[in-house]
């Protein structure tokens, strides 16, 4: 695998986290349907990507130094 991405952009990571949360909720007496889990993974992955983009823009706007090219 040569492509790199942030951990929060991974549907696998979010799916695993949601599975853990769903297990804890099930233990507490609350059950999530499989379709709910799938939609939740997609929604969280989209939100995480949007937050990452917003954070990048915020970081650039509040940066103290300019970006310059090498060469």
Protein backbone atom coordinates (compact mmCIF):
# COMPACT_ATOMS: atom_id res chain seq x y z
CA UNK A 1 0.00 0.00 0.00
CA UNK A 2 1.66 3.21 -1.16
CA UNK A 3 -1.12 5.73 -0.55
CA UNK A 4 -1.01 7.55 2.78
CA UNK A 5 -3.91 9.12 4.63
CA UNK A 6 -4.69 10.33 8.10
CA UNK A 7 -6.10 7.82 10.57
CA UNK A 8 -9.37 9.74 10.79
CA UNK A 9 -9.90 9.32 7.04
CA UNK A 10 -9.97 5.53 7.36
CA UNK A 11 -13.38 3.87 7.25
CA UNK A 12 -11.76 0.77 8.74
CA UNK A 13 -10.68 2.68 11.85
CA UNK A 14 -14.10 4.30 12.24
CA UNK A 15 -15.81 0.99 11.63
CA UNK A 16 -13.72 -0.65 14.34
CA UNK A 17 -14.40 2.18 16.79
CA UNK A 18 -18.13 2.05 16.08
CA UNK A 19 -18.10 -1.72 16.56
CA UNK A 20 -16.53 -1.26 19.98
CA UNK A 21 -19.06 1.44 20.89
CA UNK A 22 -21.92 -0.72 19.56
CA UNK A 23 -20.72 -3.61 21.71
CA UNK A 24 -20.64 -1.41 24.79
CA UNK A 25 -24.10 -0.05 23.97
CA UNK A 26 -25.41 -3.59 23.45
CA UNK A 27 -24.02 -4.54 26.83
CA UNK A 28 -25.89 -1.54 28.27
CA UNK A 29 -29.12 -2.71 26.62
CA UNK A 30 -29.08 -0.47 23.52
CA UNK A 31 -28.85 -2.22 20.14
CA UNK A 32 -27.73 -0.67 16.81
CA UNK A 33 -28.85 -2.30 13.56
CA UNK A 34 -26.20 -3.22 10.96
CA UNK A 35 -27.50 -0.59 8.53
CA UNK A 36 -27.26 2.05 11.26
CA UNK A 37 -23.61 1.11 11.84
CA UNK A 38 -22.81 1.35 8.13
CA UNK A 39 -24.45 4.76 7.79
CA UNK A 40 -22.73 5.93 10.96
CA UNK A 41 -19.32 4.91 9.60
CA UNK A 42 -19.92 6.80 6.35
CA UNK A 43 -21.17 9.87 8.18
CA UNK A 44 -18.26 9.95 10.64
CA UNK A 45 -15.71 9.46 7.85
CA UNK A 46 -17.23 12.39 5.94
CA UNK A 47 -17.33 14.60 9.02
CA UNK A 48 -13.75 13.71 9.93
CA UNK A 49 -12.59 14.57 6.41
CA UNK A 50 -14.40 17.91 6.54
CA UNK A 51 -12.93 18.70 9.96
CA UNK A 52 -9.47 17.84 8.67
CA UNK A 53 -9.93 20.27 5.78
CA UNK A 54 -11.19 23.01 8.08
CA UNK A 55 -8.24 22.45 10.41
CA UNK A 56 -5.82 22.73 7.48
CA UNK A 57 -7.38 26.03 6.37
CA UNK A 58 -7.38 27.35 9.95
CA UNK A 59 -3.74 26.34 10.35
CA UNK A 60 -2.75 28.14 7.17
CA UNK A 61 -4.71 31.31 7.99
CA UNK A 62 -3.27 31.54 11.52
CA UNK A 63 0.28 30.56 10.53
CA UNK A 64 3.06 32.99 11.35
CA UNK A 65 5.38 32.06 8.46
CA UNK A 66 4.82 32.05 4.71
CA UNK A 67 5.08 28.96 2.56
CA UNK A 68 7.90 29.04 0.05
CA UNK A 69 8.96 26.61 -2.60
CA UNK A 70 12.30 24.86 -2.47
CA UNK A 71 14.52 25.34 -5.44
